[in-house]
Amino acid sequence: TEPVLIRSDGSEKDDDKSDNCKIDKGKVDKEKIDKG
């Protein structure tokens, strides 16, 4: 359901911010983090 961002000329817009907002679950499983 990721929104399609569309310019008035019909082309889709790249949204660089969306990539910066994602957590790499392969690196860190936040449910299993034990700070100790």
Full PDB file with SEQRES, HELIX, SHEET, SSBOND, CRYST1, ORIGX, SCALE, CONECT and MASTER records, all heavy atoms in Angstrom:
SEQRES   1 A   36  THR GLU PRO VAL LEU ILE ARG SER ASP GLY SER GLU LYS          
SEQRES   2 A   36  ASP ASP ASP LYS SER ASP ASN CYS LYS ILE ASP LYS GLY          
SEQRES   3 A   36  LYS VAL ASP LYS GLU LYS ILE ASP LYS GLY                      
HELIX    1 AA1 ASP A   16  ASN A   20  1                                   5    
HELIX    2 AA2 LYS A   30  LYS A   32  5                                   3    
CRYST1    1.000    1.000    1.000  90.00  90.00  90.00 P 1           1          
ORIGX1      1.000000  0.000000  0.000000        0.00000                         
ORIGX2      0.000000  1.000000  0.000000        0.00000                         
ORIGX3      0.000000  0.000000  1.000000        0.00000                         
SCALE1      1.000000  0.000000  0.000000        0.00000                         
SCALE2      0.000000  1.000000  0.000000        0.00000                         
SCALE3      0.000000  0.000000  1.000000        0.00000                         
ATOM      1  N   THR A   1       0.819  -1.212   0.000  1.00  0.00           N  
ATOM      2  CA  THR A   1       0.000   0.000   0.000  1.00  0.00           C  
ATOM      3  C   THR A   1       0.849   1.256   0.000  1.00  0.00           C  
ATOM      4  O   THR A   1       0.375   2.328   0.325  1.00  0.00           O  
ATOM      5  CB  THR A   1      -0.942   0.033   1.215  1.00  0.00           C  
ATOM      6  OG1 THR A   1      -0.166  -0.065   2.400  1.00  0.00           O  
ATOM      7  CG2 THR A   1      -1.940  -1.106   1.144  1.00  0.00           C  
ATOM      8  N   GLU A   2       2.105   1.118  -0.372  1.00  0.00           N  
ATOM      9  CA  GLU A   2       2.973   2.291  -0.379  1.00  0.00           C  
ATOM     10  C   GLU A   2       2.463   3.295  -1.382  1.00  0.00           C  
ATOM     11  O   GLU A   2       2.220   2.974  -2.545  1.00  0.00           O  
ATOM     12  CB  GLU A   2       4.391   1.875  -0.752  1.00  0.00           C  
ATOM     13  CG  GLU A   2       5.365   3.038  -0.717  1.00  0.00           C  
ATOM     14  CD  GLU A   2       6.789   2.584  -0.931  1.00  0.00           C  
ATOM     15  OE1 GLU A   2       7.025   1.380  -0.912  1.00  0.00           O  
ATOM     16  OE2 GLU A   2       7.637   3.463  -1.130  1.00  0.00           O  
ATOM     17  N   PRO A   3       2.232   4.527  -0.973  1.00  0.00           N  
ATOM     18  CA  PRO A   3       1.646   5.519  -1.858  1.00  0.00           C  
ATOM     19  C   PRO A   3       2.498   5.770  -3.085  1.00  0.00           C  
ATOM     20  O   PRO A   3       3.720   5.723  -3.036  1.00  0.00           O  
ATOM     21  CB  PRO A   3       1.563   6.777  -0.985  1.00  0.00           C  
ATOM     22  CG  PRO A   3       1.517   6.259   0.398  1.00  0.00           C  
ATOM     23  CD  PRO A   3       2.385   5.032   0.386  1.00  0.00           C  
ATOM     24  N   VAL A   4       1.802   6.024  -4.198  1.00  0.00           N  
ATOM     25  CA  VAL A   4       2.479   6.420  -5.424  1.00  0.00           C  
ATOM     26  C   VAL A   4       2.503   7.935  -5.468  1.00  0.00           C  
ATOM     27  O   VAL A   4       1.457   8.570  -5.468  1.00  0.00           O  
ATOM     28  CB  VAL A   4       1.728   5.867  -6.657  1.00  0.00           C  
ATOM     29  CG1 VAL A   4       2.412   6.316  -7.927  1.00  0.00           C  
ATOM     30  CG2 VAL A   4       1.653   4.349  -6.588  1.00  0.00           C  
ATOM     31  N   LEU A   5       3.682   8.530  -5.473  1.00  0.00           N  
ATOM     32  CA  LEU A   5       3.803   9.977  -5.552  1.00  0.00           C  
ATOM     33  C   LEU A   5       4.000  10.341  -7.008  1.00  0.00           C  
ATOM     34  O   LEU A   5       4.979   9.934  -7.638  1.00  0.00           O  
ATOM     35  CB  LEU A   5       4.992  10.461  -4.720  1.00  0.00           C  
ATOM     36  CG  LEU A   5       4.976  10.008  -3.253  1.00  0.00           C  
ATOM     37  CD1 LEU A   5       6.148  10.611  -2.518  1.00  0.00           C  
ATOM     38  CD2 LEU A   5       3.673  10.390  -2.593  1.00  0.00           C  
ATOM     39  N   ILE A   6       3.069  11.121  -7.557  1.00  0.00           N  
ATOM     40  CA  ILE A   6       3.060  11.370  -8.984  1.00  0.00           C  
ATOM     41  C   ILE A   6       3.169  12.850  -9.271  1.00  0.00           C  
ATOM     42  O   ILE A   6       2.447  13.663  -8.704  1.00  0.00           O  
ATOM     43  CB  ILE A   6       1.772  10.815  -9.621  1.00  0.00           C  
ATOM     44  CG1 ILE A   6       1.652   9.324  -9.281  1.00  0.00           C  
ATOM     45  CG2 ILE A   6       1.776  11.018 -11.119  1.00  0.00           C  
ATOM     46  CD1 ILE A   6       0.378   8.712  -9.736  1.00  0.00           C  
ATOM     47  N   ARG A   7       4.097  13.216 -10.126  1.00  0.00           N  
ATOM     48  CA  ARG A   7       4.227  14.612 -10.543  1.00  0.00           C  
ATOM     49  C   ARG A   7       3.125  14.951 -11.535  1.00  0.00           C  
ATOM     50  O   ARG A   7       2.480  14.078 -12.108  1.00  0.00           O  
ATOM     51  CB  ARG A   7       5.594  14.839 -11.203  1.00  0.00           C  
ATOM     52  CG  ARG A   7       6.787  14.549 -10.283  1.00  0.00           C  
ATOM     53  CD  ARG A   7       8.072  14.829 -11.034  1.00  0.00           C  
ATOM     54  NE  ARG A   7       9.243  14.416 -10.302  1.00  0.00           N  
ATOM     55  CZ  ARG A   7       9.832  15.133  -9.358  1.00  0.00           C  
ATOM     56  NH1 ARG A   7       9.333  16.290  -9.019  1.00  0.00           N  
ATOM     57  NH2 ARG A   7      10.909  14.681  -8.740  1.00  0.00           N  
ATOM     58  N   SER A   8       2.946  16.234 -11.761  1.00  0.00           N  
ATOM     59  CA  SER A   8       1.902  16.662 -12.693  1.00  0.00           C  
ATOM     60  C   SER A   8       2.203  16.244 -14.120  1.00  0.00           C  
ATOM     61  O   SER A   8       1.323  16.197 -14.957  1.00  0.00           O  
ATOM     62  CB  SER A   8       1.736  18.194 -12.630  1.00  0.00           C  
ATOM     63  OG  SER A   8       2.954  18.825 -12.929  1.00  0.00           O  
ATOM     64  N   ASP A   9       3.491  15.900 -14.417  1.00  0.00           N  
ATOM     65  CA  ASP A   9       3.820  15.443 -15.766  1.00  0.00           C  
ATOM     66  C   ASP A   9       3.628  13.947 -15.939  1.00  0.00           C  
ATOM     67  O   ASP A   9       3.891  13.375 -16.987  1.00  0.00           O  
ATOM     68  CB  ASP A   9       5.270  15.813 -16.141  1.00  0.00           C  
ATOM     69  CG  ASP A   9       6.293  15.148 -15.224  1.00  0.00           C  
ATOM     70  OD1 ASP A   9       5.887  14.347 -14.361  1.00  0.00           O  
ATOM     71  OD2 ASP A   9       7.493  15.416 -15.399  1.00  0.00           O  
ATOM     72  N   GLY A  10       3.179  13.265 -14.854  1.00  0.00           N  
ATOM     73  CA  GLY A  10       2.885  11.848 -14.958  1.00  0.00           C  
ATOM     74  C   GLY A  10       3.985  10.945 -14.467  1.00  0.00           C  
ATOM     75  O   GLY A  10       3.801   9.742 -14.315  1.00  0.00           O  
ATOM     76  N   SER A  11       5.176  11.486 -14.193  1.00  0.00           N  
ATOM     77  CA  SER A  11       6.277  10.649 -13.737  1.00  0.00           C  
ATOM     78  C   SER A  11       6.196  10.432 -12.241  1.00  0.00           C  
ATOM     79  O   SER A  11       5.667  11.254 -11.510  1.00  0.00           O  
ATOM     80  CB  SER A  11       7.618  11.302 -14.084  1.00  0.00           C  
ATOM     81  OG  SER A  11       7.751  12.537 -13.421  1.00  0.00           O  
ATOM     82  N   GLU A  12       6.706   9.275 -11.785  1.00  0.00           N  
ATOM     83  CA  GLU A  12       6.708   9.000 -10.359  1.00  0.00           C  
ATOM     84  C   GLU A  12       7.896   9.666  -9.714  1.00  0.00           C  
ATOM     85  O   GLU A  12       8.983   9.746 -10.263  1.00  0.00           O  
ATOM     86  CB  GLU A  12       6.762   7.484 -10.110  1.00  0.00           C  
ATOM     87  CG  GLU A  12       5.492   6.795 -10.551  1.00  0.00           C  
ATOM     88  CD  GLU A  12       5.465   5.351 -10.128  1.00  0.00           C  
ATOM     89  OE1 GLU A  12       6.326   4.971  -9.318  1.00  0.00           O  
ATOM     90  OE2 GLU A  12       4.594   4.611 -10.605  1.00  0.00           O  
ATOM     91  N   LYS A  13       7.681  10.172  -8.508  1.00  0.00           N  
ATOM     92  CA  LYS A  13       8.717  10.903  -7.796  1.00  0.00           C  
ATOM     93  C   LYS A  13       9.481   9.973  -6.882  1.00  0.00           C  
ATOM     94  O   LYS A  13       8.894   9.201  -6.145  1.00  0.00           O  
ATOM     95  CB  LYS A  13       8.066  12.027  -6.966  1.00  0.00           C  
ATOM     96  CG  LYS A  13       9.077  12.783  -6.125  1.00  0.00           C  
ATOM     97  CD  LYS A  13       8.381  13.800  -5.262  1.00  0.00           C  
ATOM     98  CE  LYS A  13       9.380  14.477  -4.342  1.00  0.00           C  
ATOM     99  NZ  LYS A  13       8.747  15.396  -3.419  1.00  0.00           N  
ATOM    100  N   ASP A  14      10.812  10.051  -6.913  1.00  0.00           N  
ATOM    101  CA  ASP A  14      11.635   9.314  -5.966  1.00  0.00           C  
ATOM    102  C   ASP A  14      11.563  10.006  -4.630  1.00  0.00           C  
ATOM    103  O   ASP A  14      11.681  11.220  -4.534  1.00  0.00           O  
ATOM    104  CB  ASP A  14      13.106   9.278  -6.424  1.00  0.00           C  
ATOM    105  CG  ASP A  14      13.267   8.473  -7.702  1.00  0.00           C  
ATOM    106  OD1 ASP A  14      12.481   7.523  -7.872  1.00  0.00           O  
ATOM    107  OD2 ASP A  14      14.148   8.803  -8.509  1.00  0.00           O  
ATOM    108  N   ASP A  15      11.394   9.249  -3.578  1.00  0.00           N  
ATOM    109  CA  ASP A  15      11.318   9.825  -2.245  1.00  0.00           C  
ATOM    110  C   ASP A  15      12.471   9.287  -1.429  1.00  0.00           C  
ATOM    111  O   ASP A  15      12.419   8.204  -0.877  1.00  0.00           O  
ATOM    112  CB  ASP A  15       9.987   9.441  -1.584  1.00  0.00           C  
ATOM    113  CG  ASP A  15       9.737  10.262  -0.341  1.00  0.00           C  
ATOM    114  OD1 ASP A  15      10.708  10.834   0.184  1.00  0.00           O  
ATOM    115  OD2 ASP A  15       8.583  10.317   0.094  1.00  0.00           O  
ATOM    116  N   ASP A  16      13.578  10.049  -1.389  1.00  0.00           N  
ATOM    117  CA  ASP A  16      14.772   9.580  -0.716  1.00  0.00           C  
ATOM    118  C   ASP A  16      14.553   9.398   0.764  1.00  0.00           C  
ATOM    119  O   ASP A  16      15.189   8.569   1.395  1.00  0.00           O  
ATOM    120  CB  ASP A  16      15.927  10.580  -0.938  1.00  0.00           C  
ATOM    121  CG  ASP A  16      16.316  10.643  -2.408  1.00  0.00           C  
ATOM    122  OD1 ASP A  16      16.140   9.632  -3.108  1.00  0.00           O  
ATOM    123  OD2 ASP A  16      16.792  11.705  -2.825  1.00  0.00           O  
ATOM    124  N   LYS A  17      13.626  10.185   1.345  1.00  0.00           N  
ATOM    125  CA  LYS A  17      13.424  10.130   2.786  1.00  0.00           C  
ATOM    126  C   LYS A  17      12.894   8.773   3.219  1.00  0.00           C  
ATOM    127  O   LYS A  17      13.173   8.315   4.305  1.00  0.00           O  
ATOM    128  CB  LYS A  17      12.455  11.227   3.242  1.00  0.00           C  
ATOM    129  CG  LYS A  17      13.075  12.601   3.226  1.00  0.00           C  
ATOM    130  CD  LYS A  17      12.143  13.608   3.831  1.00  0.00           C  
ATOM    131  CE  LYS A  17      10.991  13.941   2.934  1.00  0.00           C  
ATOM    132  NZ  LYS A  17      10.140  15.014   3.436  1.00  0.00           N  
ATOM    133  N   SER A  18      12.107   8.092   2.346  1.00  0.00           N  
ATOM    134  CA  SER A  18      11.516   6.837   2.755  1.00  0.00           C  
ATOM    135  C   SER A  18      12.582   5.792   3.022  1.00  0.00           C  
ATOM    136  O   SER A  18      12.449   4.959   3.909  1.00  0.00           O  
ATOM    137  CB  SER A  18      10.560   6.336   1.668  1.00  0.00           C  
ATOM    138  OG  SER A  18      11.258   6.115   0.471  1.00  0.00           O  
ATOM    139  N   ASP A  19      13.699   5.794   2.258  1.00  0.00           N  
ATOM    140  CA  ASP A  19      14.755   4.820   2.477  1.00  0.00           C  
ATOM    141  C   ASP A  19      15.445   5.058   3.807  1.00  0.00           C  
ATOM    142  O   ASP A  19      15.915   4.131   4.450  1.00  0.00           O  
ATOM    143  CB  ASP A  19      15.793   4.902   1.343  1.00  0.00           C  
ATOM    144  CG  ASP A  19      15.203   4.425   0.023  1.00  0.00           C  
ATOM    145  OD1 ASP A  19      14.235   3.648   0.081  1.00  0.00           O  
ATOM    146  OD2 ASP A  19      15.700   4.829  -1.032  1.00  0.00           O  
ATOM    147  N   ASN A  20      15.546   6.316   4.227  1.00  0.00           N  
ATOM    148  CA  ASN A  20      16.216   6.637   5.476  1.00  0.00           C  
ATOM    149  C   ASN A  20      15.385   6.263   6.692  1.00  0.00           C  
ATOM    150  O   ASN A  20      15.875   6.285   7.809  1.00  0.00           O  
ATOM    151  CB  ASN A  20      16.530   8.147   5.536  1.00  0.00           C  
ATOM    152  CG  ASN A  20      17.503   8.553   4.458  1.00  0.00           C  
ATOM    153  OD1 ASN A  20      18.335   7.755   4.060  1.00  0.00           O  
ATOM    154  ND2 ASN A  20      17.390   9.783   3.991  1.00  0.00           N  
ATOM    155  N   CYS A  21      14.125   5.958   6.466  1.00  0.00           N  
ATOM    156  CA  CYS A  21      13.234   5.685   7.584  1.00  0.00           C  
ATOM    157  C   CYS A  21      13.107   4.201   7.882  1.00  0.00           C  
ATOM    158  O   CYS A  21      12.390   3.810   8.784  1.00  0.00           O  
ATOM    159  CB  CYS A  21      11.827   6.228   7.283  1.00  0.00           C  
ATOM    160  SG  CYS A  21      11.805   8.005   7.095  1.00  0.00           S  
ATOM    161  N   LYS A  22      13.735   3.364   7.096  1.00  0.00           N  
ATOM    162  CA  LYS A  22      13.534   1.937   7.254  1.00  0.00           C  
ATOM    163  C   LYS A  22      14.598   1.318   8.143  1.00  0.00           C  
ATOM    164  O   LYS A  22      15.765   1.669   8.087  1.00  0.00           O  
ATOM    165  CB  LYS A  22      13.550   1.248   5.880  1.00  0.00           C  
ATOM    166  CG  LYS A  22      12.373   1.682   5.007  1.00  0.00           C  
ATOM    167  CD  LYS A  22      12.419   1.020   3.662  1.00  0.00           C  
ATOM    168  CE  LYS A  22      11.259   1.468   2.782  1.00  0.00           C  
ATOM    169  NZ  LYS A  22      11.327   0.912   1.448  1.00  0.00           N  
ATOM    170  N   ILE A  23      14.182   0.345   8.949  1.00  0.00           N  
ATOM    171  CA  ILE A  23      15.105  -0.382   9.814  1.00  0.00           C  
ATOM    172  C   ILE A  23      15.535  -1.657   9.098  1.00  0.00           C  
ATOM    173  O   ILE A  23      14.700  -2.384   8.559  1.00  0.00           O  
ATOM    174  CB  ILE A  23      14.424  -0.753  11.142  1.00  0.00           C  
ATOM    175  CG1 ILE A  23      14.065   0.533  11.893  1.00  0.00           C  
ATOM    176  CG2 ILE A  23      15.318  -1.636  12.003  1.00  0.00           C  
ATOM    177  CD1 ILE A  23      13.269   0.277  13.148  1.00  0.00           C  
ATOM    178  N   ASP A  24      16.807  -1.931   9.077  1.00  0.00           N  
ATOM    179  CA  ASP A  24      17.318  -3.162   8.492  1.00  0.00           C  
ATOM    180  C   ASP A  24      17.160  -4.284   9.505  1.00  0.00           C  
ATOM    181  O   ASP A  24      17.980  -4.451  10.401  1.00  0.00           O  
ATOM    182  CB  ASP A  24      18.806  -2.976   8.116  1.00  0.00           C  
ATOM    183  CG  ASP A  24      19.331  -4.170   7.336  1.00  0.00           C  
ATOM    184  OD1 ASP A  24      18.657  -5.223   7.370  1.00  0.00           O  
ATOM    185  OD2 ASP A  24      20.401  -4.037   6.726  1.00  0.00           O  
ATOM    186  N   LYS A  25      16.095  -5.060   9.358  1.00  0.00           N  
ATOM    187  CA  LYS A  25      15.812  -6.093  10.346  1.00  0.00           C  
ATOM    188  C   LYS A  25      16.841  -7.216  10.290  1.00  0.00           C  
ATOM    189  O   LYS A  25      16.959  -8.007  11.211  1.00  0.00           O  
ATOM    190  CB  LYS A  25      14.406  -6.654  10.121  1.00  0.00           C  
ATOM    191  CG  LYS A  25      13.318  -5.638  10.422  1.00  0.00           C  
ATOM    192  CD  LYS A  25      11.951  -6.267  10.293  1.00  0.00           C  
ATOM    193  CE  LYS A  25      10.877  -5.247  10.606  1.00  0.00           C  
ATOM    194  NZ  LYS A  25       9.534  -5.799  10.453  1.00  0.00           N  
ATOM    195  N   GLY A  26      17.551  -7.303   9.173  1.00  0.00           N  
ATOM    196  CA  GLY A  26      18.586  -8.310   9.073  1.00  0.00           C  
ATOM    197  C   GLY A  26      19.748  -7.989   9.978  1.00  0.00           C  
ATOM    198  O   GLY A  26      20.475  -8.868  10.436  1.00  0.00           O  
ATOM    199  N   LYS A  27      19.975  -6.702  10.274  1.00  0.00           N  
ATOM    200  CA  LYS A  27      21.070  -6.289  11.143  1.00  0.00           C  
ATOM    201  C   LYS A  27      20.667  -6.317  12.606  1.00  0.00           C  
ATOM    202  O   LYS A  27      21.412  -6.728  13.469  1.00  0.00           O  
ATOM    203  CB  LYS A  27      21.523  -4.868  10.777  1.00  0.00           C  
ATOM    204  CG  LYS A  27      22.223  -4.772   9.430  1.00  0.00           C  
ATOM    205  CD  LYS A  27      22.664  -3.337   9.187  1.00  0.00           C  
ATOM    206  CE  LYS A  27      23.363  -3.186   7.845  1.00  0.00           C  
ATOM    207  NZ  LYS A  27      23.773  -1.794   7.602  1.00  0.00           N  
ATOM    208  N   VAL A  28      19.461  -5.855  12.888  1.00  0.00           N  
ATOM    209  CA  VAL A  28      19.040  -5.747  14.287  1.00  0.00           C  
ATOM    210  C   VAL A  28      17.599  -6.196  14.414  1.00  0.00           C  
ATOM    211  O   VAL A  28      16.727  -5.657  13.769  1.00  0.00           O  
ATOM    212  CB  VAL A  28      19.159  -4.287  14.789  1.00  0.00           C  
ATOM    213  CG1 VAL A  28      18.694  -4.207  16.239  1.00  0.00           C  
ATOM    214  CG2 VAL A  28      20.577  -3.787  14.650  1.00  0.00           C  
ATOM    215  N   ASP A  29      17.354  -7.206  15.220  1.00  0.00           N  
ATOM    216  CA  ASP A  29      15.985  -7.609  15.552  1.00  0.00           C  
ATOM    217  C   ASP A  29      15.631  -6.923  16.857  1.00  0.00           C  
ATOM    218  O   ASP A  29      16.054  -7.330  17.918  1.00  0.00           O  
ATOM    219  CB  ASP A  29      15.913  -9.129  15.704  1.00  0.00           C  
ATOM    220  CG  ASP A  29      14.475  -9.606  15.889  1.00  0.00           C  
ATOM    221  OD1 ASP A  29      13.647  -8.777  16.299  1.00  0.00           O  
ATOM    222  OD2 ASP A  29      14.211 -10.789  15.626  1.00  0.00           O  
ATOM    223  N   LYS A  30      14.845  -5.853  16.752  1.00  0.00           N  
ATOM    224  CA  LYS A  30      14.618  -5.016  17.930  1.00  0.00           C  
ATOM    225  C   LYS A  30      13.889  -5.744  19.047  1.00  0.00           C  
ATOM    226  O   LYS A  30      13.963  -5.362  20.181  1.00  0.00           O  
ATOM    227  CB  LYS A  30      13.852  -3.741  17.537  1.00  0.00           C  
ATOM    228  CG  LYS A  30      12.494  -3.942  16.940  1.00  0.00           C  
ATOM    229  CD  LYS A  30      11.875  -2.595  16.655  1.00  0.00           C  
ATOM    230  CE  LYS A  30      10.511  -2.718  16.011  1.00  0.00           C  
ATOM    231  NZ  LYS A  30      10.572  -3.283  14.678  1.00  0.00           N  
ATOM    232  N   GLU A  31      13.166  -6.832  18.720  1.00  0.00           N  
ATOM    233  CA  GLU A  31      12.458  -7.574  19.746  1.00  0.00           C  
ATOM    234  C   GLU A  31      13.403  -8.455  20.575  1.00  0.00           C  
ATOM    235  O   GLU A  31      13.063  -8.914  21.648  1.00  0.00           O  
ATOM    236  CB  GLU A  31      11.381  -8.449  19.099  1.00  0.00           C  
ATOM    237  CG  GLU A  31      10.257  -7.630  18.489  1.00  0.00           C  
ATOM    238  CD  GLU A  31       9.191  -8.509  17.880  1.00  0.00           C  
ATOM    239  OE1 GLU A  31       9.380  -9.736  17.862  1.00  0.00           O  
ATOM    240  OE2 GLU A  31       8.185  -7.961  17.425  1.00  0.00           O  
ATOM    241  N   LYS A  32      14.611  -8.720  20.028  1.00  0.00           N  
ATOM    242  CA  LYS A  32      15.537  -9.619  20.709  1.00  0.00           C  
ATOM    243  C   LYS A  32      16.724  -8.878  21.315  1.00  0.00           C  
ATOM    244  O   LYS A  32      17.667  -9.502  21.792  1.00  0.00           O  
ATOM    245  CB  LYS A  32      16.042 -10.675  19.723  1.00  0.00           C  
ATOM    246  CG  LYS A  32      14.935 -11.588  19.224  1.00  0.00           C  
ATOM    247  CD  LYS A  32      15.479 -12.624  18.266  1.00  0.00           C  
ATOM    248  CE  LYS A  32      14.371 -13.536  17.762  1.00  0.00           C  
ATOM    249  NZ  LYS A  32      14.877 -14.542  16.815  1.00  0.00           N  
ATOM    250  N   ILE A  33      16.721  -7.557  21.283  1.00  0.00           N  
ATOM    251  CA  ILE A  33      17.851  -6.801  21.817  1.00  0.00           C  
ATOM    252  C   ILE A  33      17.880  -6.911  23.333  1.00  0.00           C  
ATOM    253  O   ILE A  33      16.902  -6.625  24.007  1.00  0.00           O  
ATOM    254  CB  ILE A  33      17.758  -5.320  21.396  1.00  0.00           C  
ATOM    255  CG1 ILE A  33      18.031  -5.203  19.900  1.00  0.00           C  
ATOM    256  CG2 ILE A  33      18.757  -4.484  22.183  1.00  0.00           C  
ATOM    257  CD1 ILE A  33      17.896  -3.800  19.387  1.00  0.00           C  
ATOM    258  N   ASP A  34      18.986  -7.335  23.860  1.00  0.00           N  
ATOM    259  CA  ASP A  34      19.199  -7.400  25.298  1.00  0.00           C  
ATOM    260  C   ASP A  34      20.350  -6.464  25.598  1.00  0.00           C  
ATOM    261  O   ASP A  34      21.488  -6.739  25.250  1.00  0.00           O  
ATOM    262  CB  ASP A  34      19.538  -8.841  25.717  1.00  0.00           C  
ATOM    263  CG  ASP A  34      19.759  -8.971  27.222  1.00  0.00           C  
ATOM    264  OD1 ASP A  34      19.854  -7.924  27.907  1.00  0.00           O  
ATOM    265  OD2 ASP A  34      19.833 -10.097  27.698  1.00  0.00           O  
ATOM    266  N   LYS A  35      20.039  -5.330  26.209  1.00  0.00           N  
ATOM    267  CA  LYS A  35      21.073  -4.319  26.404  1.00  0.00           C  
ATOM    268  C   LYS A  35      22.234  -4.835  27.240  1.00  0.00           C  
ATOM    269  O   LYS A  35      23.341  -4.320  27.159  1.00  0.00           O  
ATOM    270  CB  LYS A  35      20.454  -3.078  27.054  1.00  0.00           C  
ATOM    271  CG  LYS A  35      19.497  -2.326  26.140  1.00  0.00           C  
ATOM    272  CD  LYS A  35      18.991  -1.068  26.795  1.00  0.00           C  
ATOM    273  CE  LYS A  35      18.051  -0.325  25.870  1.00  0.00           C  
ATOM    274  NZ  LYS A  35      17.512   0.902  26.499  1.00  0.00           N  
ATOM    275  N   GLY A  36      21.987  -5.892  28.048  1.00  0.00           N  
ATOM    276  CA  GLY A  36      23.059  -6.425  28.856  1.00  0.00           C  
ATOM    277  C   GLY A  36      24.029  -7.269  28.057  1.00  0.00           C  
ATOM    278  O   GLY A  36      25.166  -7.477  28.463  1.00  0.00           O  
TER     279      GLY A  36                                                      
MASTER        0    0    0    2    0    0    0    6  278    1    0    3          
END                                                                             
